Amino acid sequence: MSDRARAYRNAGVDITAGNRFVANIRKLVASTFTKGVVTDIGGFGGLFKPDIANMEEPVLVASTDGVGTKLKLAFAFDKHDTIGIDLVAMSVNDILVQGAKPLFFLDYFATGKLDLGIAETVIAGIVAGCKQGECALLGGETAEMPGFYADGEYDLSGFCVGLVDNAKIVDGSGIAVGDKIIGLASSGLHSNGYSLVRKIYGACDLAPADIFPGTDRTVAEVLLEPTAIYVKPVRTLLRDLSIKGMVHVTGGGFYDNIPRILPRGVAAAIEFGSWRVGPVFTWLKEAGALTWPEMLQIFNCGLGYLLIVEPELAPEVLARLEGMGQPAFTVGEVKKVKEGEEQVEISFPAGVC
């Protein structure tokens, strides 16, 4: 190492390791590049030239997010290969709700001391997420900040930019009484509610390598199952079908997310039990002594994404999703409500609460 880097190294920042990290991931990142990417990684900014030839009035859509305290379990279980997928999913699913095609993603990785093996594993997950989300990993930032993070820990954030023609923005304004609500299955907990998950898990006697109740997978695999990315099936539907509204069921569960796309005077009437609720949710409810209304306020409970369509279109949407290998269910319909009434009504079978 050059003498001019010694002072920074003695302060805890290894410039050489940072440069080696960028060199190691260059080919991996390049594997996500689409035809719109103009620059390689390593520059001051990433350049992207979007194809707007078939758009009358292109509109950019952007979203930013992190992974939250799910990271704490990644540290505890020393499992870092999927957390990057979560990072991408939280942003691409959000812009997808408005009908946007994801164009590119940028990440921010910060740690006290750069561990090349862990960092490269995390980036590999981000790359996998970008491929699922059909967007380019255009660049990012790696920050080594001694004394700022606990040993072995890091933080992640990122943002995605997408594009949609103004006339094709999905905003929920056309949702009407009688429209059907179709739920797309989640892969598991996704990336919200982990402060409560960690509290419940911390009070139980399950080890990371134990088989999770009701499954044939380990605790670490179930609790760190990455967030499903819905870009491919939903974008396929949007090519020639009219979707009135879409919901990414994330923090706030059903009760906070669904009203974000509903017009005044209508509510989503959801029938609990019309979809498969996975073992992880049943376990959390029982181990945490929670009610299903409490669960639905916090978790996706088996549905990570919702579509609202005209009644006549619902069978075709379900058939197409099934053909793409995406489990989906008709879970309710839109009903009329008075001004000021709650816009999410969930009915439960007798004896279930």
Protein backbone atom coordinates (compact mmCIF):
# COMPACT_ATOMS: atom_id res chain seq x y z
CA MET A 1 0.00 0.00 0.00
CA SER A 2 1.24 3.48 -0.80
CA ASP A 3 2.41 5.61 2.13
CA ARG A 4 -0.25 8.17 1.31
CA ALA A 5 -2.98 5.69 2.31
CA ARG A 6 -1.38 4.71 5.61
CA ALA A 7 -3.02 7.38 7.76
CA TYR A 8 -6.52 6.41 6.61
CA ARG A 9 -5.74 2.71 7.08
CA ASN A 10 -4.55 3.42 10.64
CA ALA A 11 -7.87 5.15 11.25
CA GLY A 12 -9.65 1.94 10.26
CA VAL A 13 -10.50 2.54 6.60
CA ASP A 14 -8.85 0.17 4.11
CA ILE A 15 -8.86 1.89 0.74
CA THR A 16 -7.17 -1.09 -0.91
CA ALA A 17 -9.91 -3.45 0.28
CA GLY A 18 -12.55 -1.08 -1.06
CA ASN A 19 -10.90 -0.93 -4.47
CA ARG A 20 -10.54 -4.70 -4.53
CA PHE A 21 -14.22 -5.07 -3.68
CA VAL A 22 -15.25 -2.93 -6.66
CA ALA A 23 -12.94 -4.91 -8.94
CA ASN A 24 -14.33 -8.23 -7.66
CA ILE A 25 -17.97 -7.34 -8.25
CA ARG A 26 -17.55 -5.59 -11.61
CA LYS A 27 -18.46 -8.61 -13.76
CA LEU A 28 -21.28 -9.60 -11.41
CA VAL A 29 -22.85 -6.16 -11.62
CA ALA A 30 -22.35 -6.01 -15.39
CA SER A 31 -24.47 -9.15 -15.72
CA THR A 32 -27.53 -7.01 -14.88
CA PHE A 33 -26.86 -4.34 -17.50
CA THR A 34 -29.65 -3.69 -19.98
CA LYS A 35 -29.32 -1.85 -23.29
CA GLY A 36 -30.09 1.44 -21.55
CA VAL A 37 -26.93 1.40 -19.43
CA VAL A 38 -24.37 3.88 -20.73
CA THR A 39 -21.60 3.72 -18.11
CA ASP A 40 -19.70 1.05 -16.16
CA ILE A 41 -19.62 1.06 -12.35
CA GLY A 42 -17.00 3.18 -10.63
CA GLY A 43 -17.92 6.59 -12.00
CA PHE A 44 -19.32 9.52 -10.05
CA GLY A 45 -22.79 8.77 -11.40
CA GLY A 46 -24.52 6.12 -13.46
CA LEU A 47 -25.86 7.06 -16.85
CA PHE A 48 -28.97 5.44 -18.31
CA LYS A 49 -30.71 6.16 -21.62
CA PRO A 50 -34.35 4.99 -21.41
CA ASP A 51 -36.22 3.82 -24.47
CA ILE A 52 -39.24 6.11 -24.77
CA ALA A 53 -39.93 5.50 -28.46
CA ASN A 54 -43.33 3.93 -27.82
CA MET A 55 -44.40 6.34 -25.08
CA GLU A 56 -46.49 9.44 -25.65
CA GLU A 57 -45.85 11.00 -22.22
CA PRO A 58 -43.16 9.15 -20.21
CA VAL A 59 -43.22 9.57 -16.44
CA LEU A 60 -40.43 8.58 -14.06
CA VAL A 61 -41.40 6.67 -10.91
CA ALA A 62 -38.95 6.27 -8.02
CA SER A 63 -38.90 4.49 -4.67
CA THR A 64 -36.35 4.01 -1.91
CA ASP A 65 -36.22 1.62 1.03
CA GLY A 66 -34.05 -0.57 3.22
CA VAL A 67 -34.38 -4.04 4.71
CA GLY A 68 -35.07 -3.03 8.31
CA THR A 69 -34.30 -5.21 11.29
CA LYS A 70 -34.38 -8.37 9.19
CA LEU A 71 -30.68 -7.57 8.92
CA LYS A 72 -30.29 -8.45 12.60
CA LEU A 73 -31.28 -12.04 11.86
CA ALA A 74 -28.89 -12.15 8.90
CA PHE A 75 -26.11 -11.18 11.31
CA ALA A 76 -27.24 -13.63 14.00
CA PHE A 77 -27.57 -16.52 11.53
CA ASP A 78 -24.46 -15.49 9.54
CA LYS A 79 -26.54 -15.83 6.36
CA HIS A 80 -26.15 -13.03 3.84
CA ASP A 81 -26.96 -14.54 0.45
CA THR A 82 -30.60 -13.44 0.14
CA ILE A 83 -30.81 -10.13 2.00
CA GLY A 84 -29.88 -8.26 -1.18
CA ILE A 85 -32.95 -9.69 -2.92
CA ASP A 86 -35.06 -8.19 -0.13
CA LEU A 87 -33.45 -4.81 -0.71
CA VAL A 88 -34.33 -4.75 -4.41
CA ALA A 89 -37.80 -6.20 -3.86
CA MET A 90 -38.93 -3.48 -1.49
CA SER A 91 -38.37 -0.78 -4.11
CA VAL A 92 -39.24 -2.53 -7.38
CA ASN A 93 -42.52 -3.87 -5.99
CA ASP A 94 -43.44 -0.36 -4.88
CA ILE A 95 -42.98 1.27 -8.29
CA LEU A 96 -44.63 -1.71 -9.97
CA VAL A 97 -47.86 -0.78 -8.14
CA GLN A 98 -48.17 2.29 -10.36
CA GLY A 99 -47.57 0.30 -13.52
CA ALA A 100 -43.93 1.29 -13.94
CA LYS A 101 -41.25 -0.79 -15.60
CA PRO A 102 -38.14 -0.81 -13.36
CA LEU A 103 -35.15 0.65 -15.21
CA PHE A 104 -32.28 0.71 -12.75
CA PHE A 105 -31.35 0.25 -9.11
CA LEU A 106 -28.63 1.74 -6.91
CA ASP A 107 -27.54 0.41 -3.53
CA TYR A 108 -25.79 1.74 -0.43
CA PHE A 109 -23.76 -0.67 1.71
CA ALA A 110 -22.23 0.67 4.92
CA THR A 111 -20.18 -1.16 7.54
CA GLY A 112 -17.60 -0.57 10.25
CA LYS A 113 -14.97 -2.81 8.68
CA LEU A 114 -15.32 -4.15 5.15
CA ASP A 115 -15.47 -7.96 5.02
CA LEU A 116 -15.00 -8.75 1.35
CA GLY A 117 -16.66 -12.17 1.56
CA ILE A 118 -19.82 -10.87 3.23
CA ALA A 119 -20.02 -7.75 1.07
CA GLU A 120 -19.66 -9.72 -2.16
CA THR A 121 -22.31 -12.19 -1.00
CA VAL A 122 -24.72 -9.33 -0.29
CA ILE A 123 -24.05 -7.76 -3.69
CA ALA A 124 -24.65 -11.13 -5.35
CA GLY A 125 -28.11 -11.08 -3.76
CA ILE A 126 -28.74 -7.57 -5.05
CA VAL A 127 -27.72 -8.74 -8.52
CA ALA A 128 -30.13 -11.67 -8.27
CA GLY A 129 -32.89 -9.29 -7.20
CA CYS A 130 -32.19 -6.95 -10.10
CA LYS A 131 -32.40 -9.84 -12.54
CA GLN A 132 -35.75 -10.89 -11.08
CA GLY A 133 -36.90 -7.26 -11.24
CA GLU A 134 -35.64 -6.91 -14.81
CA CYS A 135 -33.60 -3.81 -14.01
CA ALA A 136 -29.94 -2.87 -14.13
CA LEU A 137 -27.75 -2.43 -11.08
CA LEU A 138 -26.46 0.92 -12.26
CA GLY A 139 -24.11 1.67 -9.39
CA GLY A 140 -23.91 2.10 -5.66
CA GLU A 141 -21.86 3.23 -2.70
CA THR A 142 -19.75 1.24 -0.27
CA ALA A 143 -18.91 3.08 2.95
CA GLU A 144 -16.44 1.85 5.58
CA MET A 145 -17.08 3.76 8.80
CA PRO A 146 -15.06 2.51 11.80
CA GLY A 147 -16.82 2.86 15.13
CA PHE A 148 -20.20 3.58 13.58
CA TYR A 149 -21.48 -0.01 13.34
CA ALA A 150 -21.07 -2.99 15.66
CA ASP A 151 -18.51 -5.58 14.62
CA GLY A 152 -19.85 -7.86 11.89
CA GLU A 153 -22.82 -5.63 11.11
CA TYR A 154 -23.72 -3.51 8.11
CA ASP A 155 -26.62 -1.47 6.80
CA LEU A 156 -28.32 -1.54 3.43
CA SER A 157 -30.49 0.87 1.51
CA GLY A 158 -31.28 1.40 -2.13
CA PHE A 159 -33.56 2.99 -4.64
CA CYS A 160 -35.13 2.14 -7.96
CA VAL A 161 -36.22 4.32 -10.87
CA GLY A 162 -38.83 3.14 -13.35
CA LEU A 163 -40.81 4.46 -16.27
CA VAL A 164 -44.48 4.44 -17.22
CA ASP A 165 -46.52 6.17 -19.92
CA ASN A 166 -48.76 8.75 -18.27
CA ALA A 167 -51.90 7.22 -19.81
CA LYS A 168 -51.00 3.83 -18.31
CA ILE A 169 -50.36 4.89 -14.72
CA VAL A 170 -52.26 2.62 -12.33
CA ASP A 171 -53.61 4.83 -9.54
CA GLY A 172 -56.80 3.12 -8.35
CA SER A 173 -59.04 6.01 -9.41
CA GLY A 174 -61.26 3.72 -11.51
CA ILE A 175 -61.91 1.17 -8.77
CA ALA A 176 -65.65 0.59 -8.36
CA VAL A 177 -68.09 -1.43 -6.29
CA GLY A 178 -68.10 -5.09 -7.36
CA ASP A 179 -64.50 -5.20 -8.58
CA LYS A 180 -62.64 -8.35 -7.56
CA ILE A 181 -59.52 -8.46 -5.42
CA ILE A 182 -56.90 -11.01 -6.41
CA GLY A 183 -54.07 -11.84 -4.06
CA LEU A 184 -50.65 -13.06 -5.18
CA ALA A 185 -48.96 -15.43 -2.75
CA SER A 186 -46.05 -14.16 -0.72
CA SER A 187 -42.85 -16.14 -0.29
CA GLY A 188 -42.99 -15.71 3.47
CA LEU A 189 -42.56 -12.79 5.83
CA HIS A 190 -40.92 -10.60 3.17
CA SER A 191 -39.19 -7.65 4.90
CA ASN A 192 -41.55 -6.13 7.43
CA GLY A 193 -42.57 -6.84 11.00
CA TYR A 194 -39.13 -8.10 11.99
CA SER A 195 -38.93 -6.15 15.24
CA LEU A 196 -41.84 -8.30 16.43
CA VAL A 197 -40.48 -11.44 14.72
CA ARG A 198 -37.18 -11.05 16.54
CA LYS A 199 -38.94 -10.50 19.86
CA ILE A 200 -41.03 -13.66 19.44
CA TYR A 201 -38.10 -15.70 18.14
CA GLY A 202 -35.90 -14.52 21.00
CA ALA A 203 -38.38 -15.90 23.52
CA CYS A 204 -38.54 -19.38 21.95
CA ASP A 205 -36.07 -22.27 22.08
CA LEU A 206 -35.52 -22.72 18.33
CA ALA A 207 -31.97 -22.67 16.99
CA PRO A 208 -31.16 -21.41 13.47
CA ALA A 209 -30.41 -24.94 12.23
CA ASP A 210 -33.57 -26.49 13.73
CA ILE A 211 -36.43 -27.48 11.44
CA PHE A 212 -39.07 -24.76 11.52
CA PRO A 213 -42.47 -26.00 12.78
CA GLY A 214 -44.76 -27.16 9.98
CA THR A 215 -42.01 -27.18 7.34
CA ASP A 216 -39.04 -29.23 6.17
CA ARG A 217 -36.74 -26.19 6.19
CA THR A 218 -34.47 -24.67 8.83
CA VAL A 219 -35.41 -21.73 11.01
CA ALA A 220 -32.77 -19.60 9.29
CA GLU A 221 -34.14 -20.46 5.84
CA VAL A 222 -37.74 -19.69 6.78
CA LEU A 223 -37.09 -16.45 8.65
CA LEU A 224 -34.70 -15.17 5.99
CA GLU A 225 -36.73 -16.29 2.98
CA PRO A 226 -36.34 -13.37 0.54
CA THR A 227 -39.19 -11.11 -0.49
CA ALA A 228 -41.01 -12.18 -3.65
CA ILE A 229 -40.48 -9.90 -6.63
CA TYR A 230 -43.65 -9.60 -8.70
CA VAL A 231 -42.31 -7.71 -11.72
CA LYS A 232 -42.42 -10.51 -14.30
CA PRO A 233 -45.97 -11.80 -13.71
CA VAL A 234 -47.50 -8.36 -13.19
CA ARG A 235 -45.74 -6.73 -16.14
CA THR A 236 -46.90 -9.62 -18.30
CA LEU A 237 -50.50 -8.99 -17.25
CA LEU A 238 -50.21 -5.26 -17.87
CA ARG A 239 -49.24 -5.75 -21.51
CA ASP A 240 -52.83 -6.38 -22.57
CA LEU A 241 -55.09 -6.45 -19.50
CA SER A 242 -56.56 -3.55 -17.58
CA ILE A 243 -55.63 -3.61 -13.89
CA LYS A 244 -57.50 -0.95 -11.93
CA GLY A 245 -55.39 -0.95 -8.80
CA MET A 246 -52.46 -2.71 -7.18
CA VAL A 247 -51.14 -3.00 -3.64
CA HIS A 248 -47.73 -4.01 -2.32
CA VAL A 249 -48.55 -5.54 1.08
CA THR A 250 -45.61 -4.33 3.14
CA GLY A 251 -45.23 -2.46 6.45
CA GLY A 252 -48.68 -1.82 7.90
CA GLY A 253 -50.14 -5.02 6.49
CA PHE A 254 -53.62 -5.07 5.00
CA TYR A 255 -55.16 -2.27 7.02
CA ASP A 256 -52.65 0.45 6.12
CA ASN A 257 -51.66 -0.48 2.56
CA ILE A 258 -54.94 -1.25 0.81
CA PRO A 259 -56.56 2.17 1.50
CA ARG A 260 -53.62 3.87 -0.25
CA ILE A 261 -55.14 3.04 -3.64
CA LEU A 262 -58.88 3.11 -2.88
CA PRO A 263 -61.10 6.02 -3.93
CA ARG A 264 -63.46 7.56 -1.40
CA GLY A 265 -66.68 5.73 -0.65
CA VAL A 266 -65.45 2.20 -1.25
CA ALA A 267 -63.78 -0.47 0.86
CA ALA A 268 -61.99 -3.74 0.30
CA ALA A 269 -64.00 -6.64 1.72
CA ILE A 270 -61.49 -9.44 2.31
CA GLU A 271 -62.47 -13.02 3.14
CA PHE A 272 -59.86 -14.51 5.46
CA GLY A 273 -59.22 -18.15 4.62
CA SER A 274 -59.63 -17.69 0.88
CA TRP A 275 -55.87 -18.06 0.47
CA ARG A 276 -53.14 -20.21 1.99
CA VAL A 277 -51.61 -18.80 5.16
CA GLY A 278 -48.14 -20.31 5.56
CA PRO A 279 -46.76 -22.04 8.68
CA VAL A 280 -44.54 -19.10 9.62
CA PHE A 281 -47.59 -16.90 10.18
CA THR A 282 -49.47 -19.52 12.18
CA TRP A 283 -46.38 -20.03 14.33
CA LEU A 284 -45.95 -16.30 14.95
CA LYS A 285 -49.61 -15.95 15.91
CA GLU A 286 -49.44 -18.80 18.40
CA ALA A 287 -45.98 -18.10 19.80
CA GLY A 288 -46.73 -14.40 20.12
CA ALA A 289 -50.27 -14.88 21.46
CA LEU A 290 -51.63 -12.62 18.71
CA THR A 291 -55.03 -12.39 17.04
CA TRP A 292 -55.47 -12.59 13.27
CA PRO A 293 -56.50 -8.90 13.11
CA GLU A 294 -53.23 -8.07 14.85
CA MET A 295 -51.33 -10.28 12.42
CA LEU A 296 -53.00 -8.65 9.41
CA GLN A 297 -52.05 -5.22 10.71
CA ILE A 298 -48.37 -6.18 10.75
CA PHE A 299 -47.67 -8.99 8.27
CA ASN A 300 -48.68 -9.96 4.73
CA CYS A 301 -50.02 -13.27 6.12
CA GLY A 302 -49.47 -15.06 2.82
CA LEU A 303 -50.40 -12.36 0.28
CA GLY A 304 -47.59 -10.08 -0.85
CA TYR A 305 -49.35 -8.25 -3.68
CA LEU A 306 -52.96 -7.48 -4.60
CA LEU A 307 -54.66 -6.73 -7.91
CA ILE A 308 -58.06 -5.11 -8.28
CA VAL A 309 -59.85 -5.89 -11.55
CA GLU A 310 -63.29 -5.88 -13.11
CA PRO A 311 -65.31 -9.01 -12.17
CA GLU A 312 -65.38 -10.36 -15.71
CA LEU A 313 -61.59 -10.19 -15.94
CA ALA A 314 -60.81 -12.07 -12.72
CA PRO A 315 -60.94 -15.63 -14.16
CA GLU A 316 -58.53 -14.74 -16.95
CA VAL A 317 -56.12 -13.02 -14.57
CA LEU A 318 -56.10 -16.08 -12.31
CA ALA A 319 -55.58 -18.43 -15.25
CA ARG A 320 -52.69 -16.40 -16.59
CA LEU A 321 -51.00 -16.19 -13.22
CA GLU A 322 -51.38 -19.92 -12.77
CA GLY A 323 -49.81 -20.43 -16.19
CA MET A 324 -46.83 -18.36 -15.08
CA GLY A 325 -46.41 -20.42 -11.92
CA GLN A 326 -47.58 -17.59 -9.65
CA PRO A 327 -50.06 -18.82 -7.01
CA ALA A 328 -53.01 -16.43 -6.79
CA PHE A 329 -56.48 -16.36 -5.24
CA THR A 330 -59.68 -14.34 -5.40
CA VAL A 331 -59.70 -12.98 -1.86
CA GLY A 332 -62.49 -10.42 -1.85
CA GLU A 333 -64.28 -7.61 -3.63
CA VAL A 334 -64.86 -3.89 -3.48
CA LYS A 335 -67.94 -2.70 -1.62
CA LYS A 336 -69.55 0.64 -0.86
CA VAL A 337 -69.00 2.32 2.51
CA LYS A 338 -70.02 5.58 4.09
CA GLU A 339 -67.59 8.47 4.33
CA GLY A 340 -65.29 8.04 7.34
CA GLU A 341 -65.78 4.28 7.67
CA GLU A 342 -62.77 1.98 7.58
CA GLN A 343 -61.77 1.01 4.05
CA VAL A 344 -60.66 -2.52 4.86
CA GLU A 345 -63.14 -5.07 6.17
CA ILE A 346 -61.88 -8.58 6.83
CA SER A 347 -64.37 -11.33 7.59
CA PHE A 348 -63.32 -14.44 9.48
CA PRO A 349 -64.86 -17.93 9.52
CA ALA A 350 -66.69 -18.88 12.70
CA GLY A 351 -64.26 -19.56 15.54
CA VAL A 352 -61.31 -17.89 13.82
CA CYS A 353 -59.87 -14.67 15.18
